[in-house]
Amino acid sequence: MCDTWILTSQNGIQADRITSCYVDKQRVLSSIVMFGATYLEPGKVVHNFEGSWILGRFSGPVDEKVSEVAAVLSTAFPVVTSDRIQGMKYLKIFVNANNCIPAILGVSMQEPFDDPKI
């Protein structure tokens, strides 16, 4: 184990648990990125939609360290803190189940949700 703080931002629910195998779980901060971007090529990224970066503790309520990291990140992104980050991650997985719709239809992420027929 080491004294490093880790902020996970991987979609899904395994990153925090895997990280805590290498770093004490009290040093793992968890997050959910709720804004989107598409990488086009080196140096070119398209911002798809606005959203917040949600921060919390892998193993406990929001504390001073979460607030400290939130303050730094909030200079660049809207940040929300949560005492229930793990539950929010499960909710995001459920919501992301809709991501297959544009892939199946061969359209952009926004198109199926703009067209009531789809």
C-alpha atoms as a PDB file:
ATOM      1  CA  MET A   1       0.000   0.000   0.000  1.00  0.00           C
ATOM      2  CA  CYS A   2       1.067   3.607  -0.497  1.00  0.00           C
ATOM      3  CA  ASP A   3       0.191   7.112   0.676  1.00  0.00           C
ATOM      4  CA  THR A   4      -1.172   8.301  -2.681  1.00  0.00           C
ATOM      5  CA  TRP A   5      -4.713   9.589  -3.164  1.00  0.00           C
ATOM      6  CA  ILE A   6      -6.494   8.218  -6.232  1.00  0.00           C
ATOM      7  CA  LEU A   7      -9.535   9.728  -7.967  1.00  0.00           C
ATOM      8  CA  THR A   8     -11.236   7.175 -10.196  1.00  0.00           C
ATOM      9  CA  SER A   9     -13.291   8.410 -13.120  1.00  0.00           C
ATOM     10  CA  GLN A  10     -13.819   5.189 -15.047  1.00  0.00           C
ATOM     11  CA  ASN A  11     -17.395   4.388 -16.060  1.00  0.00           C
ATOM     12  CA  GLY A  12     -18.744   1.356 -14.285  1.00  0.00           C
ATOM     13  CA  ILE A  13     -18.464   0.099 -10.751  1.00  0.00           C
ATOM     14  CA  GLN A  14     -15.238  -1.934 -10.650  1.00  0.00           C
ATOM     15  CA  ALA A  15     -12.576   0.807 -10.769  1.00  0.00           C
ATOM     16  CA  ASP A  16     -12.899   1.731  -7.089  1.00  0.00           C
ATOM     17  CA  ARG A  17     -12.714  -1.862  -5.902  1.00  0.00           C
ATOM     18  CA  ILE A  18      -9.756  -2.683  -8.158  1.00  0.00           C
ATOM     19  CA  THR A  19      -7.926   0.469  -7.100  1.00  0.00           C
ATOM     20  CA  SER A  20      -8.468  -0.364  -3.425  1.00  0.00           C
ATOM     21  CA  CYS A  21      -6.459  -3.565  -3.972  1.00  0.00           C
ATOM     22  CA  TYR A  22      -3.395  -1.346  -4.445  1.00  0.00           C
ATOM     23  CA  VAL A  23      -4.222   1.735  -2.369  1.00  0.00           C
ATOM     24  CA  ASP A  24      -5.959   1.818   1.008  1.00  0.00           C
ATOM     25  CA  LYS A  25      -9.694   2.249   0.266  1.00  0.00           C
ATOM     26  CA  GLN A  26      -9.717   5.319   2.524  1.00  0.00           C
ATOM     27  CA  ARG A  27      -7.454   6.958  -0.094  1.00  0.00           C
ATOM     28  CA  VAL A  28      -9.771   6.206  -3.027  1.00  0.00           C
ATOM     29  CA  LEU A  29     -12.044   9.014  -4.158  1.00  0.00           C
ATOM     30  CA  SER A  30     -14.737   8.057  -6.609  1.00  0.00           C
ATOM     31  CA  SER A  31     -16.298  10.053  -9.413  1.00  0.00           C
ATOM     32  CA  ILE A  32     -18.770   9.995 -12.262  1.00  0.00           C
ATOM     33  CA  VAL A  33     -18.230  12.153 -15.339  1.00  0.00           C
ATOM     34  CA  MET A  34     -21.618  13.358 -16.545  1.00  0.00           C
ATOM     35  CA  PHE A  35     -20.468  15.463 -19.506  1.00  0.00           C
ATOM     36  CA  GLY A  36     -19.451  14.144 -22.879  1.00  0.00           C
ATOM     37  CA  ALA A  37     -16.822  14.601 -25.525  1.00  0.00           C
ATOM     38  CA  THR A  38     -15.723  12.768 -28.646  1.00  0.00           C
ATOM     39  CA  TYR A  39     -12.063  12.362 -29.571  1.00  0.00           C
ATOM     40  CA  LEU A  40     -11.657  13.036 -33.295  1.00  0.00           C
ATOM     41  CA  GLU A  41      -7.889  13.084 -33.746  1.00  0.00           C
ATOM     42  CA  PRO A  42      -4.852  14.356 -31.837  1.00  0.00           C
ATOM     43  CA  GLY A  43      -5.637  17.889 -30.685  1.00  0.00           C
ATOM     44  CA  LYS A  44      -9.301  17.759 -31.776  1.00  0.00           C
ATOM     45  CA  VAL A  45     -12.113  16.973 -29.364  1.00  0.00           C
ATOM     46  CA  VAL A  46     -15.788  17.821 -29.753  1.00  0.00           C
ATOM     47  CA  HIS A  47     -17.701  18.717 -26.598  1.00  0.00           C
ATOM     48  CA  ASN A  48     -21.014  16.819 -26.879  1.00  0.00           C
ATOM     49  CA  PHE A  49     -23.035  17.911 -23.870  1.00  0.00           C
ATOM     50  CA  GLU A  50     -22.841  19.791 -20.578  1.00  0.00           C
ATOM     51  CA  GLY A  51     -22.934  18.043 -17.244  1.00  0.00           C
ATOM     52  CA  SER A  52     -21.330  17.777 -13.830  1.00  0.00           C
ATOM     53  CA  TRP A  53     -18.434  15.841 -12.400  1.00  0.00           C
ATOM     54  CA  ILE A  54     -19.843  13.997  -9.386  1.00  0.00           C
ATOM     55  CA  LEU A  55     -17.412  13.224  -6.551  1.00  0.00           C
ATOM     56  CA  GLY A  56     -17.700  11.052  -3.497  1.00  0.00           C
ATOM     57  CA  ARG A  57     -15.972   8.506  -1.307  1.00  0.00           C
ATOM     58  CA  PHE A  58     -15.632   4.889  -2.321  1.00  0.00           C
ATOM     59  CA  SER A  59     -16.018   3.988   1.342  1.00  0.00           C
ATOM     60  CA  GLY A  60     -17.887   6.663   3.227  1.00  0.00           C
ATOM     61  CA  PRO A  61     -19.549  10.072   3.197  1.00  0.00           C
ATOM     62  CA  VAL A  62     -18.225  13.271   1.660  1.00  0.00           C
ATOM     63  CA  ASP A  63     -15.414  14.607   3.804  1.00  0.00           C
ATOM     64  CA  GLU A  64     -12.723  17.291   3.777  1.00  0.00           C
ATOM     65  CA  LYS A  65     -10.635  15.540   1.102  1.00  0.00           C
ATOM     66  CA  VAL A  66     -13.623  15.216  -1.268  1.00  0.00           C
ATOM     67  CA  SER A  67     -14.433  18.893  -0.710  1.00  0.00           C
ATOM     68  CA  GLU A  68     -10.797  19.844  -1.358  1.00  0.00           C
ATOM     69  CA  VAL A  69     -10.691  17.955  -4.673  1.00  0.00           C
ATOM     70  CA  ALA A  70     -14.121  19.338  -5.628  1.00  0.00           C
ATOM     71  CA  ALA A  71     -12.853  22.883  -5.056  1.00  0.00           C
ATOM     72  CA  VAL A  72      -9.904  22.319  -7.402  1.00  0.00           C
ATOM     73  CA  LEU A  73     -11.971  20.637 -10.134  1.00  0.00           C
ATOM     74  CA  SER A  74     -14.742  23.238  -9.896  1.00  0.00           C
ATOM     75  CA  THR A  75     -12.396  25.814 -11.397  1.00  0.00           C
ATOM     76  CA  ALA A  76     -12.827  23.969 -14.709  1.00  0.00           C
ATOM     77  CA  PHE A  77     -16.018  21.867 -14.391  1.00  0.00           C
ATOM     78  CA  PRO A  78     -19.349  21.997 -12.576  1.00  0.00           C
ATOM     79  CA  VAL A  79     -18.842  19.675  -9.580  1.00  0.00           C
ATOM     80  CA  VAL A  80     -21.401  17.967  -7.346  1.00  0.00           C
ATOM     81  CA  THR A  81     -20.525  15.874  -4.282  1.00  0.00           C
ATOM     82  CA  SER A  82     -22.499  12.869  -3.104  1.00  0.00           C
ATOM     83  CA  ASP A  83     -22.592  10.589  -0.076  1.00  0.00           C
ATOM     84  CA  ARG A  84     -24.098   7.902  -2.331  1.00  0.00           C
ATOM     85  CA  ILE A  85     -21.609   7.696  -5.184  1.00  0.00           C
ATOM     86  CA  GLN A  86     -21.858   3.901  -5.557  1.00  0.00           C
ATOM     87  CA  GLY A  87     -25.639   4.016  -5.963  1.00  0.00           C
ATOM     88  CA  MET A  88     -25.247   6.826  -8.481  1.00  0.00           C
ATOM     89  CA  LYS A  89     -22.807   4.676 -10.465  1.00  0.00           C
ATOM     90  CA  TYR A  90     -25.368   1.861 -10.665  1.00  0.00           C
ATOM     91  CA  LEU A  91     -27.958   4.399 -11.840  1.00  0.00           C
ATOM     92  CA  LYS A  92     -25.603   5.639 -14.571  1.00  0.00           C
ATOM     93  CA  ILE A  93     -25.125   2.051 -15.783  1.00  0.00           C
ATOM     94  CA  PHE A  94     -28.893   1.684 -16.005  1.00  0.00           C
ATOM     95  CA  VAL A  95     -29.263   4.969 -17.896  1.00  0.00           C
ATOM     96  CA  ASN A  96     -26.346   4.101 -20.204  1.00  0.00           C
ATOM     97  CA  ALA A  97     -28.183   0.968 -21.294  1.00  0.00           C
ATOM     98  CA  ASN A  98     -29.856   3.353 -23.772  1.00  0.00           C
ATOM     99  CA  ASN A  99     -26.493   3.875 -25.506  1.00  0.00           C
ATOM    100  CA  CYS A 100     -27.111   0.815 -27.660  1.00  0.00           C
ATOM    101  CA  ILE A 101     -30.025   2.507 -29.458  1.00  0.00           C
ATOM    102  CA  PRO A 102     -27.944   4.913 -31.595  1.00  0.00           C
ATOM    103  CA  ALA A 103     -25.354   2.196 -32.229  1.00  0.00           C
ATOM    104  CA  ILE A 104     -28.013  -0.206 -33.522  1.00  0.00           C
ATOM    105  CA  LEU A 105     -29.576   2.520 -35.689  1.00  0.00           C
ATOM    106  CA  GLY A 106     -26.258   3.887 -36.934  1.00  0.00           C
ATOM    107  CA  VAL A 107     -27.044   7.452 -35.862  1.00  0.00           C
ATOM    108  CA  SER A 108     -25.520  10.003 -33.482  1.00  0.00           C
ATOM    109  CA  MET A 109     -26.213   9.824 -29.761  1.00  0.00           C
ATOM    110  CA  GLN A 110     -28.577  12.804 -29.944  1.00  0.00           C
ATOM    111  CA  GLU A 111     -30.721  11.728 -32.925  1.00  0.00           C
ATOM    112  CA  PRO A 112     -32.805   8.938 -31.375  1.00  0.00           C
ATOM    113  CA  PHE A 113     -33.739  11.106 -28.418  1.00  0.00           C
ATOM    114  CA  ASP A 114     -34.714  14.069 -30.603  1.00  0.00           C
ATOM    115  CA  ASP A 115     -37.087  11.980 -32.753  1.00  0.00           C
ATOM    116  CA  PRO A 116     -40.217  10.702 -30.943  1.00  0.00           C
ATOM    117  CA  LYS A 117     -40.735   8.040 -33.666  1.00  0.00           C
ATOM    118  CA  ILE A 118     -37.395   6.434 -32.827  1.00  0.00           C
END
